Amino acid sequence: MSITAHLSSLETKHRTIETEIVQELSRPKADTVKLKALKQKKLAIKDTITKIKGRETPESLH
């Protein structure tokens, strides 16, 4: 998998988790344990995205 495809996949997962968080928060009694787990997962993905983008070079995008 190319770096660009990997980044795209991670960004999609990040957006999906954000949607799950919003849905959980809209519930009358949001599951705080589930929210914490989702937020941790989202942060881990964001950290990975940031690391990958930090070491990108024009040659590595292909």
Protein backbone atom coordinates (compact mmCIF):
# COMPACT_ATOMS: atom_id res chain seq x y z
CA MET A 1 0.00 0.00 0.00
CA SER A 2 1.38 3.40 -0.93
CA ILE A 3 1.79 6.10 1.70
CA THR A 4 -0.94 8.16 0.04
CA ALA A 5 -3.38 5.24 0.16
CA HIS A 6 -2.45 4.50 3.76
CA LEU A 7 -3.02 8.14 4.74
CA SER A 8 -6.35 8.15 2.96
CA SER A 9 -7.40 5.02 4.81
CA LEU A 10 -6.38 6.47 8.17
CA GLU A 11 -8.20 9.73 7.46
CA THR A 12 -11.35 7.79 6.58
CA LYS A 13 -11.11 5.83 9.84
CA HIS A 14 -10.57 9.10 11.73
CA ARG A 15 -13.75 10.60 10.23
CA THR A 16 -15.72 7.43 10.93
CA ILE A 17 -14.71 7.47 14.58
CA GLU A 18 -15.64 11.16 14.82
CA THR A 19 -19.10 10.26 13.51
CA GLU A 20 -19.39 7.48 16.10
CA ILE A 21 -18.43 9.94 18.85
CA VAL A 22 -21.05 12.45 17.73
CA GLN A 23 -23.69 9.72 17.57
CA GLU A 24 -22.82 8.48 21.04
CA LEU A 25 -22.91 12.01 22.46
CA SER A 26 -26.38 12.54 20.98
CA ARG A 27 -27.78 9.67 23.04
CA PRO A 28 -29.60 10.64 26.24
CA LYS A 29 -27.18 8.57 28.33
CA ALA A 30 -23.93 8.41 26.43
CA ASP A 31 -21.67 5.50 27.32
CA THR A 32 -18.64 7.26 28.82
CA VAL A 33 -16.47 4.14 28.61
CA LYS A 34 -17.23 3.76 24.91
CA LEU A 35 -16.61 7.48 24.36
CA LYS A 36 -13.24 7.29 26.08
CA ALA A 37 -12.21 4.30 23.97
CA LEU A 38 -13.34 6.00 20.75
CA LYS A 39 -11.49 9.20 21.62
CA GLN A 40 -8.30 7.28 22.43
CA LYS A 41 -8.54 5.38 19.14
CA LYS A 42 -9.17 8.63 17.24
CA LEU A 43 -6.15 10.26 18.89
CA ALA A 44 -3.91 7.29 18.09
CA ILE A 45 -4.95 7.47 14.43
CA LYS A 46 -4.37 11.23 14.38
CA ASP A 47 -0.89 10.72 15.86
CA THR A 48 -0.09 8.17 13.16
CA ILE A 49 -1.32 10.53 10.45
CA THR A 50 0.83 13.34 11.86
CA LYS A 51 3.93 11.11 12.00
CA ILE A 52 3.47 9.93 8.44
CA LYS A 53 2.89 13.45 7.13
CA GLY A 54 5.96 14.62 9.02
CA ARG A 55 8.26 12.25 7.20
CA GLU A 56 6.71 12.60 3.73
CA THR A 57 8.91 13.60 0.85
CA PRO A 58 7.74 14.17 -2.73
CA GLU A 59 9.36 10.88 -3.79
CA SER A 60 7.62 8.88 -1.05
CA LEU A 61 4.16 9.87 -2.25
CA HIS A 62 4.31 7.44 -5.16
